[in-house]
Amino acid sequence: MSTSSDSLVAFGQQHVTRGLGRLTEAVMTKGEGSYVTFEDGRKMLDFSCGIGVTNLGHCHQKVSKAAADQCVNIVHAQCSISFHGPYLRLIEKLLPIMPDPSLDSFFFWNSGSEAIEASLKMARQITGRQNIISMQGGYHGRTFGAMAVTKSKTVYSEGFFPLMPGAFAIPFPYWHQLGLPINTSEEELVRLSLYQLDLVLKQQTAPRDTAAIIVEPVLGEGGYVPAPASFLKGLRAVCDKHDILLIVDEVQSGFGRTGKYFNVEYSGVRPDILIIAKGLANGFPLSGVVSRKELTDKLVPGSMGGTYAGNAVSCAAAVAVANAFREEKVLDNVSVRSSELLTSLKSLRDDPEVGSMIVDIRGQGLMIAVEFASPLYSPTDPALVSSAPKNLASRVTKRCMEKGLLILTTSLYEVIRFIPPLNISQGDLERGCQIFAESVKEVVREG
């Protein structure tokens, strides 16, 4: 096989399964801090972090060294055969930062989707019930159980039915989901969403048949929409009333992404099951399902497991991640950079040339979204603006890439998400914001 950039891309296009989508038809060869380099020589500032994974930047030296060191000790210590040191040391590191002290029982797997599958199995076995309630706009993965509770886009499940039975959904308290004006009060959005939950429990799945409610505290693929604290507290109250488990999916919002170790800390709500992945090991495949020992003691030994579950190299990397967060004061940096990012985006919204095209700026920490107006929305959608340029979000991301910035869209709406490294420098953040502003202005001018 030829090693030229063009021939490598052509080879990939011929032999990599078409079901995988890509932002760019290129070959990434190196990552360092906030930058990635491609086979063709381009070096780009990365505001995607591999979709919120490399929270400490690419190839963080301490994390990479911990993984390399582990590789010469033991790589595969299968979880159904014995304990291994990195697995147990990782639990030791995670216990003090859990959003509630009751979360003291850990099972590590490989991916977020697998962790969701495990949580659904656990909820059913622990409660003896089958049904699961999820959120419209929520994303939990592409495997069968995860697909059934994913409601962000039909592309993830189209053509794969029938999915796992017993999955129901309610509207997330987001004005788009409820078809209400953007200035609708938080109180009203929460009231309507909780009312719909009450109806689902009375009309579709009785509490005695409902094992769990699953929620992202910040919608990821649904548009980077933080859940109001009152909504999460409302879900907790319903779960407590009916002995339903509350599963909190922090795959994308966890590990400092929103300014706290876990976003659910903002509300003070206690999860019964917490799902973690992505930033947990900064690029090494690892996820986790965390619950209370009193609940997980009800599981049958052998009902959980997996060939590579809790891989020793990934766990060693995750231990180094936990150390780096503390030693490098990463959360302090998130607070400062978040303020700078929001100031830059709000300044762009105040620009008379493009401000009318920006519908919303939202998010927490360094999990921020900009939503644009669109002429292609449903006639009943409050963000419909007939004079807006078509496909603003995808066109802006393409222009950003041409200028040296990797950045992603999200949701079925015109939304661009900012997920830069949590330890990004002021200079790199400023450069990325400048590229973004230039790109927005150019695309809006083009119409």
Protein backbone atom coordinates (compact mmCIF):
# COMPACT_ATOMS: atom_id res chain seq x y z
CA MET A 1 0.00 0.00 0.00
CA SER A 2 1.35 3.43 -0.95
CA THR A 3 2.04 5.81 1.93
CA SER A 4 1.12 9.05 0.18
CA SER A 5 -1.68 11.00 1.85
CA ASP A 6 -4.04 10.81 -1.13
CA SER A 7 -3.57 7.07 -1.60
CA LEU A 8 -4.10 6.38 2.10
CA VAL A 9 -7.38 8.28 2.01
CA ALA A 10 -8.44 6.42 -1.14
CA PHE A 11 -7.56 3.11 0.51
CA GLY A 12 -9.64 4.03 3.55
CA GLN A 13 -12.59 5.09 1.42
CA GLN A 14 -12.46 1.73 -0.35
CA HIS A 15 -12.09 -0.54 2.67
CA VAL A 16 -13.49 1.19 5.79
CA THR A 17 -17.17 0.44 6.35
CA ARG A 18 -19.44 3.11 4.90
CA GLY A 19 -21.51 3.24 8.09
CA LEU A 20 -18.78 5.35 9.68
CA GLY A 21 -19.15 9.08 9.02
CA ARG A 22 -16.18 11.47 9.06
CA LEU A 23 -15.74 15.19 9.46
CA THR A 24 -12.86 15.22 6.97
CA GLU A 25 -11.42 12.84 4.39
CA ALA A 26 -7.89 12.98 5.78
CA VAL A 27 -5.45 10.89 7.82
CA MET A 28 -4.63 12.13 11.31
CA THR A 29 -1.07 11.24 12.30
CA LYS A 30 -0.16 13.11 15.48
CA GLY A 31 -1.76 14.84 18.42
CA GLU A 32 -0.02 17.11 20.88
CA GLY A 33 -1.83 19.24 23.44
CA SER A 34 -4.48 21.32 21.69
CA TYR A 35 -3.28 20.46 18.17
CA VAL A 36 -3.52 17.60 15.68
CA THR A 37 -1.44 17.02 12.56
CA PHE A 38 -2.58 15.32 9.37
CA GLU A 39 -0.69 13.20 6.85
CA ASP A 40 -0.82 16.05 4.31
CA GLY A 41 1.07 18.34 6.71
CA ARG A 42 -1.82 20.40 8.05
CA LYS A 43 -1.64 21.26 11.75
CA MET A 44 -4.98 22.20 13.25
CA LEU A 45 -6.21 23.59 16.55
CA ASP A 46 -8.57 20.97 17.96
CA PHE A 47 -11.82 22.17 19.54
CA SER A 48 -13.35 18.69 19.20
CA CYS A 49 -11.12 16.67 21.57
CA GLY A 50 -12.17 13.51 19.76
CA ILE A 51 -15.77 14.38 20.73
CA GLY A 52 -15.02 15.36 24.30
CA VAL A 53 -12.47 12.64 25.08
CA THR A 54 -8.98 14.18 25.29
CA ASN A 55 -9.89 16.60 28.04
CA LEU A 56 -6.22 16.99 29.01
CA GLY A 57 -5.16 17.51 25.41
CA HIS A 58 -3.65 14.96 23.06
CA CYS A 59 -0.89 12.69 24.37
CA HIS A 60 -0.65 14.23 27.82
CA GLN A 61 2.85 13.19 28.89
CA LYS A 62 1.99 11.79 32.31
CA VAL A 63 -1.00 9.86 30.99
CA SER A 64 0.94 8.42 28.05
CA LYS A 65 3.85 7.46 30.32
CA ALA A 66 1.54 5.70 32.77
CA ALA A 67 0.05 3.67 29.93
CA ALA A 68 3.48 2.86 28.49
CA ASP A 69 4.79 1.76 31.88
CA GLN A 70 1.78 -0.48 32.38
CA CYS A 71 2.39 -2.11 29.00
CA VAL A 72 5.61 -3.68 30.26
CA ASN A 73 3.95 -5.08 33.41
CA ILE A 74 0.64 -6.58 32.32
CA VAL A 75 -1.65 -5.51 29.50
CA HIS A 76 -4.58 -7.89 29.78
CA ALA A 77 -5.63 -8.95 33.28
CA GLN A 78 -9.14 -10.23 32.59
CA CYS A 79 -11.71 -9.00 35.11
CA SER A 80 -13.46 -12.38 35.42
CA ILE A 81 -10.19 -14.08 36.36
CA SER A 82 -8.77 -11.78 39.03
CA PHE A 83 -8.43 -8.24 40.29
CA HIS A 84 -5.62 -6.11 38.91
CA GLY A 85 -3.82 -3.17 40.49
CA PRO A 86 -4.74 -0.32 38.11
CA TYR A 87 -8.46 -1.22 38.37
CA LEU A 88 -8.38 -0.99 42.17
CA ARG A 89 -6.14 2.10 42.24
CA LEU A 90 -8.55 3.83 39.87
CA ILE A 91 -11.47 3.16 42.21
CA GLU A 92 -9.37 4.59 45.04
CA LYS A 93 -8.84 7.78 42.99
CA LEU A 94 -12.49 8.10 41.94
CA LEU A 95 -14.21 7.52 45.27
CA PRO A 96 -13.39 11.00 46.70
CA ILE A 97 -14.68 12.83 43.61
CA MET A 98 -17.99 11.03 43.18
CA PRO A 99 -20.96 13.44 43.16
CA ASP A 100 -22.47 11.56 46.11
CA PRO A 101 -20.71 9.44 48.77
CA SER A 102 -23.26 6.67 48.27
CA LEU A 103 -21.65 5.88 44.88
CA ASP A 104 -19.18 3.25 46.02
CA SER A 105 -19.49 0.28 43.65
CA PHE A 106 -17.63 0.31 40.29
CA PHE A 107 -17.70 -1.73 37.11
CA PHE A 108 -15.40 -0.65 34.28
CA TRP A 109 -16.06 -1.43 30.65
CA ASN A 110 -14.73 -0.10 27.32
CA SER A 111 -17.15 2.44 25.82
CA GLY A 112 -19.98 4.71 26.85
CA SER A 113 -22.50 2.66 24.93
CA GLU A 114 -21.43 -0.53 26.71
CA ALA A 115 -21.74 1.23 30.06
CA ILE A 116 -25.28 2.26 29.15
CA GLU A 117 -26.08 -1.36 28.27
CA ALA A 118 -24.74 -2.44 31.65
CA SER A 119 -26.79 0.18 33.48
CA LEU A 120 -29.99 -0.95 31.75
CA LYS A 121 -29.26 -4.58 32.66
CA MET A 122 -28.53 -3.58 36.24
CA ALA A 123 -31.70 -1.50 36.53
CA ARG A 124 -33.84 -4.37 35.31
CA GLN A 125 -32.24 -7.01 37.51
CA ILE A 126 -32.13 -4.84 40.63
CA THR A 127 -35.75 -3.66 40.39
CA GLY A 128 -37.33 -6.68 38.74
CA ARG A 129 -38.98 -4.28 36.30
CA GLN A 130 -38.48 -3.81 32.56
CA ASN A 131 -39.34 -0.34 31.27
CA ILE A 132 -36.98 2.63 30.87
CA ILE A 133 -37.91 6.31 30.41
CA SER A 134 -35.47 8.51 28.51
CA MET A 135 -35.43 12.07 27.14
CA GLN A 136 -36.31 13.40 23.70
CA GLY A 137 -33.00 14.74 22.41
CA GLY A 138 -30.98 12.37 24.56
CA TYR A 139 -28.09 10.33 23.18
CA HIS A 140 -26.76 7.19 24.85
CA GLY A 141 -25.09 5.14 22.11
CA ARG A 142 -25.50 2.93 19.05
CA THR A 143 -25.78 -0.58 20.53
CA PHE A 144 -29.27 -2.05 20.81
CA GLY A 145 -30.31 -1.06 24.31
CA ALA A 146 -28.58 2.29 24.00
CA MET A 147 -30.26 2.91 20.63
CA ALA A 148 -33.65 2.28 22.18
CA VAL A 149 -33.18 5.07 24.73
CA THR A 150 -31.46 7.43 22.26
CA LYS A 151 -33.85 10.07 20.91
CA SER A 152 -31.55 12.73 19.43
CA LYS A 153 -31.63 11.69 15.74
CA THR A 154 -33.21 8.85 13.80
CA VAL A 155 -29.96 8.19 11.92
CA TYR A 156 -28.71 6.14 14.87
CA SER A 157 -31.60 3.64 14.72
CA GLU A 158 -33.14 3.98 11.26
CA GLY A 159 -33.40 0.57 9.60
CA PHE A 160 -32.50 -1.36 12.77
CA PHE A 161 -35.94 -1.93 14.29
CA PRO A 162 -37.28 -3.65 16.32
CA LEU A 163 -35.17 -2.20 19.11
CA MET A 164 -35.17 -3.15 22.77
CA PRO A 165 -38.78 -3.10 24.01
CA GLY A 166 -39.94 -1.15 27.03
CA ALA A 167 -38.41 2.22 26.08
CA PHE A 168 -40.47 5.40 26.57
CA ALA A 169 -39.58 9.09 26.31
CA ILE A 170 -40.57 12.49 27.64
CA PRO A 171 -39.60 15.98 26.41
CA PHE A 172 -36.39 17.43 27.85
CA PRO A 173 -37.01 20.96 29.25
CA TYR A 174 -35.70 22.64 26.09
CA TRP A 175 -37.79 25.16 24.20
CA HIS A 176 -37.20 23.36 20.88
CA GLN A 177 -38.49 20.08 22.28
CA LEU A 178 -41.62 21.73 23.61
CA GLY A 179 -42.22 24.02 20.62
CA LEU A 180 -42.09 27.15 22.77
CA PRO A 181 -40.41 30.56 22.33
CA ILE A 182 -36.77 30.77 23.32
CA ASN A 183 -37.61 33.22 26.13
CA THR A 184 -39.94 30.73 27.85
CA SER A 185 -39.08 30.66 31.53
CA GLU A 186 -37.11 27.79 32.99
CA GLU A 187 -39.90 27.25 35.50
CA GLU A 188 -42.44 26.72 32.71
CA LEU A 189 -40.18 24.39 30.71
CA VAL A 190 -39.58 22.23 33.78
CA ARG A 191 -43.26 22.22 34.70
CA LEU A 192 -44.28 21.00 31.26
CA SER A 193 -41.60 18.30 31.09
CA LEU A 194 -42.45 16.93 34.53
CA TYR A 195 -46.14 17.02 33.61
CA GLN A 196 -45.36 14.85 30.58
CA LEU A 197 -43.46 12.46 32.86
CA ASP A 198 -46.54 12.22 35.07
CA LEU A 199 -48.66 11.42 32.01
CA VAL A 200 -46.25 8.75 30.77
CA LEU A 201 -46.37 7.05 34.16
CA LYS A 202 -50.17 7.15 34.09
CA GLN A 203 -50.76 6.37 30.42
CA GLN A 204 -47.86 4.30 29.07
CA THR A 205 -45.66 2.66 31.71
CA ALA A 206 -46.94 2.28 35.25
CA PRO A 207 -44.44 2.94 38.04
CA ARG A 208 -44.54 -0.75 39.06
CA ASP A 209 -43.30 -1.61 35.53
CA THR A 210 -40.67 1.16 35.33
CA ALA A 211 -37.11 0.25 36.24
CA ALA A 212 -35.31 3.53 35.58
CA ILE A 213 -35.29 7.05 34.21
CA ILE A 214 -32.13 7.88 32.25
CA VAL A 215 -30.99 11.46 31.68
CA GLU A 216 -27.96 13.42 30.51
CA PRO A 217 -27.55 16.43 32.83
CA VAL A 218 -26.40 18.25 29.69
CA LEU A 219 -27.85 17.02 26.40
CA GLY A 220 -24.88 16.12 24.19
CA GLU A 221 -26.01 15.14 20.70
CA GLY A 222 -29.28 16.90 21.51
CA GLY A 223 -27.71 20.35 21.36
CA TYR A 224 -25.59 20.99 24.50
CA VAL A 225 -28.55 21.95 26.67
CA PRO A 226 -28.00 21.93 30.45
CA ALA A 227 -30.84 20.46 32.49
CA PRO A 228 -32.24 22.92 35.04
CA ALA A 229 -31.49 21.86 38.59
CA SER A 230 -35.20 21.91 39.36
CA PHE A 231 -35.83 19.37 36.60
CA LEU A 232 -33.22 16.94 37.93
CA LYS A 233 -34.62 17.40 41.43
CA GLY A 234 -38.08 16.70 40.05
CA LEU A 235 -36.85 13.46 38.47
CA ARG A 236 -35.21 12.48 41.76
CA ALA A 237 -38.46 13.08 43.63
CA VAL A 238 -40.46 10.94 41.19
CA CYS A 239 -37.88 8.15 41.39
CA ASP A 240 -37.90 8.24 45.19
CA LYS A 241 -41.70 8.13 45.27
CA HIS A 242 -41.96 5.07 43.04
CA ASP A 243 -38.68 3.22 43.78
CA ILE A 244 -37.45 3.91 40.26
CA LEU A 245 -33.70 4.16 39.66
CA LEU A 246 -32.24 7.40 38.34
CA ILE A 247 -29.45 6.79 35.79
CA VAL A 248 -27.32 9.87 35.13
CA ASP A 249 -25.30 9.70 31.91
CA GLU A 250 -22.17 11.84 32.34
CA VAL A 251 -20.25 10.27 29.45
CA GLN A 252 -19.73 13.64 27.75
CA SER A 253 -20.39 16.11 30.57
CA GLY A 254 -18.22 14.42 33.19
CA PHE A 255 -14.60 14.80 34.27
CA GLY A 256 -14.45 18.57 34.47
CA ARG A 257 -16.05 19.32 31.12
CA THR A 258 -18.62 21.69 32.65
CA GLY A 259 -16.47 23.11 35.45
CA LYS A 260 -17.09 20.47 38.12
CA TYR A 261 -15.98 16.87 38.09
CA PHE A 262 -19.58 15.94 37.28
CA ASN A 263 -22.32 18.22 36.04
CA VAL A 264 -24.92 16.72 38.36
CA GLU A 265 -23.03 18.38 41.23
CA TYR A 266 -24.61 21.70 40.24
CA SER A 267 -28.04 20.36 41.23
CA GLY A 268 -26.96 18.29 44.23
CA VAL A 269 -29.05 15.40 42.90
CA ARG A 270 -27.96 11.88 43.82
CA PRO A 271 -27.78 9.38 40.95
CA ASP A 272 -28.59 5.76 41.65
CA ILE A 273 -26.36 4.82 38.73
CA LEU A 274 -23.69 7.10 37.24
CA ILE A 275 -22.29 6.47 33.75
CA ILE A 276 -18.76 7.70 32.98
CA ALA A 277 -16.46 7.39 29.94
CA LYS A 278 -14.73 9.73 27.43
CA GLY A 279 -12.55 12.01 29.61
CA LEU A 280 -12.10 9.23 32.18
CA ALA A 281 -8.92 7.95 30.47
CA ASN A 282 -8.14 10.80 28.02
CA GLY A 283 -8.35 8.67 24.88
CA PHE A 284 -7.75 5.15 26.16
CA PRO A 285 -10.93 3.04 25.86
CA LEU A 286 -12.57 2.94 29.27
CA SER A 287 -16.02 3.51 30.72
CA GLY A 288 -17.60 2.96 34.08
CA VAL A 289 -20.89 2.17 35.78
CA VAL A 290 -20.97 3.42 39.36
CA SER A 291 -23.72 2.66 41.86
CA ARG A 292 -24.37 1.82 45.50
CA LYS A 293 -23.10 -1.45 46.90
CA GLU A 294 -26.50 -2.16 48.43
CA LEU A 295 -27.88 -2.18 44.87
CA THR A 296 -25.06 -3.95 43.06
CA ASP A 297 -24.99 -6.69 45.71
CA LYS A 298 -28.30 -7.80 44.16
CA LEU A 299 -26.56 -8.64 40.87
CA VAL A 300 -25.79 -12.24 40.01
CA PRO A 301 -22.02 -12.90 39.65
CA GLY A 302 -21.28 -13.43 35.98
CA SER A 303 -24.13 -11.22 34.78
CA MET A 304 -21.59 -8.42 34.23
CA GLY A 305 -18.25 -8.71 32.48
CA GLY A 306 -16.49 -8.46 29.16
CA THR A 307 -13.26 -9.67 27.59
CA TYR A 308 -11.54 -6.28 27.75
CA ALA A 309 -13.62 -4.71 30.53
CA GLY A 310 -11.49 -2.48 32.74
CA ASN A 311 -8.32 -3.05 30.72
CA ALA A 312 -5.18 -2.58 32.82
CA VAL A 313 -3.51 -0.11 30.43
CA SER A 314 -6.64 2.04 30.21
CA CYS A 315 -7.08 1.97 33.99
CA ALA A 316 -3.45 3.00 34.50
CA ALA A 317 -4.00 5.92 32.14
CA ALA A 318 -7.15 6.90 34.05
CA VAL A 319 -5.23 6.94 37.35
CA ALA A 320 -2.79 9.38 35.75
CA VAL A 321 -5.71 11.49 34.52
CA ALA A 322 -7.10 11.75 38.05
CA ASN A 323 -3.69 12.78 39.35
CA ALA A 324 -3.24 15.39 36.62
CA PHE A 325 -6.61 16.97 37.35
CA ARG A 326 -5.58 17.58 40.92
CA GLU A 327 -1.90 18.46 40.40
CA GLU A 328 -2.47 20.77 37.42
CA LYS A 329 -5.56 22.51 38.84
CA VAL A 330 -7.51 21.75 35.67
CA LEU A 331 -10.88 22.88 37.06
CA ASP A 332 -9.43 26.31 37.82
CA ASN A 333 -8.40 26.64 34.19
CA VAL A 334 -11.86 25.58 33.02
CA SER A 335 -13.42 28.38 35.05
CA VAL A 336 -11.16 31.06 33.57
CA ARG A 337 -11.28 29.82 29.98
CA SER A 338 -15.07 29.37 30.13
CA SER A 339 -15.54 33.01 31.03
CA GLU A 340 -13.25 34.06 28.17
CA LEU A 341 -15.07 31.83 25.68
CA LEU A 342 -18.52 33.09 26.66
CA THR A 343 -17.34 36.71 26.52
CA SER A 344 -16.03 36.16 22.99
CA LEU A 345 -19.22 34.47 21.79
CA LYS A 346 -21.47 37.11 23.33
CA SER A 347 -19.37 39.80 21.66
CA LEU A 348 -20.01 38.08 18.34
CA ARG A 349 -23.74 38.00 19.06
CA ASP A 350 -23.61 41.76 19.70
CA ASP A 351 -22.11 42.34 16.25
CA PRO A 352 -24.90 43.87 14.11
CA GLU A 353 -23.60 42.08 11.04
CA VAL A 354 -24.25 38.57 12.35
CA GLY A 355 -26.00 38.89 15.71
CA SER A 356 -29.49 38.31 14.36
CA MET A 357 -28.39 34.90 13.07
CA ILE A 358 -27.35 33.69 16.56
CA VAL A 359 -30.38 32.28 18.33
CA ASP A 360 -28.75 31.06 21.52
CA ILE A 361 -25.45 30.73 23.41
CA ARG A 362 -25.62 28.15 26.19
CA GLY A 363 -23.70 25.65 28.24
CA GLN A 364 -21.40 25.41 31.23
CA GLY A 365 -17.64 25.24 31.66
CA LEU A 366 -16.05 24.26 28.36
CA MET A 367 -19.16 22.50 27.03
CA ILE A 368 -20.65 25.46 25.16
CA ALA A 369 -22.98 25.71 22.16
CA VAL A 370 -23.90 28.39 19.65
CA GLU A 371 -27.21 27.89 17.87
CA PHE A 372 -27.98 29.65 14.59
CA ALA A 373 -31.29 30.54 12.97
CA SER A 374 -32.44 28.47 10.01
CA PRO A 375 -34.87 28.85 7.11
CA LEU A 376 -35.28 25.06 6.98
CA TYR A 377 -36.90 24.43 10.37
CA SER A 378 -40.50 23.29 10.65
CA PRO A 379 -43.00 26.15 10.15
CA THR A 380 -43.96 25.79 13.82
CA ASP A 381 -40.38 26.01 15.12
CA PRO A 382 -39.70 29.29 16.98
CA ALA A 383 -36.15 29.45 15.54
CA LEU A 384 -37.38 29.54 11.95
CA VAL A 385 -35.98 32.65 10.22
CA SER A 386 -36.77 32.67 6.51
CA SER A 387 -33.99 35.17 5.74
CA ALA A 388 -31.24 33.12 7.44
CA PRO A 389 -28.61 31.38 5.28
CA LYS A 390 -29.15 27.65 4.89
CA ASN A 391 -27.03 25.12 6.79
CA LEU A 392 -25.12 27.73 8.75
CA ALA A 393 -23.64 25.33 11.30
CA SER A 394 -22.11 22.86 8.84
CA ARG A 395 -20.87 25.66 6.58
CA VAL A 396 -19.22 27.46 9.49
CA THR A 397 -17.48 24.29 10.68
CA LYS A 398 -16.18 23.70 7.15
CA ARG A 399 -14.85 27.26 6.94
CA CYS A 400 -13.23 26.89 10.37
CA MET A 401 -11.42 23.79 9.13
CA GLU A 402 -10.15 25.68 6.10
CA LYS A 403 -8.69 28.20 8.54
CA GLY A 404 -7.09 25.58 10.81
CA LEU A 405 -9.73 24.86 13.48
CA LEU A 406 -11.45 21.52 14.09
CA ILE A 407 -14.92 22.12 15.51
CA LEU A 408 -18.14 20.08 15.43
CA THR A 409 -21.85 20.49 14.96
CA THR A 410 -24.39 18.72 17.15
CA SER A 411 -28.11 17.86 17.13
CA LEU A 412 -30.68 18.14 14.35
CA TYR A 413 -30.65 21.91 14.87
CA GLU A 414 -28.11 24.45 13.60
CA VAL A 415 -25.76 24.08 16.55
CA ILE A 416 -21.96 24.23 16.83
CA ARG A 417 -20.35 22.89 19.99
CA PHE A 418 -17.18 24.04 21.68
CA ILE A 419 -15.30 21.22 23.46
CA PRO A 420 -11.66 22.35 23.60
CA PRO A 421 -9.12 20.76 25.96
CA LEU A 422 -9.79 21.67 29.58
CA ASN A 423 -6.17 22.78 29.98
CA ILE A 424 -6.16 24.93 26.84
CA SER A 425 -4.07 28.09 27.02
CA GLN A 426 -5.50 31.59 26.79
CA GLY A 427 -3.68 32.12 23.49
CA ASP A 428 -5.02 28.97 21.84
CA LEU A 429 -8.57 29.68 23.01
CA GLU A 430 -8.34 33.24 21.70
CA ARG A 431 -7.04 31.99 18.35
CA GLY A 432 -9.89 29.51 18.04
CA CYS A 433 -12.49 32.13 18.91
CA GLN A 434 -11.02 34.49 16.30
CA ILE A 435 -11.20 31.81 13.59
CA PHE A 436 -14.77 31.04 14.57
CA ALA A 437 -15.86 34.69 14.45
CA GLU A 438 -14.20 35.21 11.06
CA SER A 439 -15.87 32.09 9.70
CA VAL A 440 -19.33 33.08 10.92
CA LYS A 441 -19.04 36.54 9.39
CA GLU A 442 -17.83 35.19 6.05
CA VAL A 443 -20.57 32.57 5.76
CA VAL A 444 -23.32 35.01 6.77
CA ARG A 445 -22.08 37.48 4.13
CA GLU A 446 -22.23 34.76 1.50
CA GLY A 447 -25.87 34.13 2.38
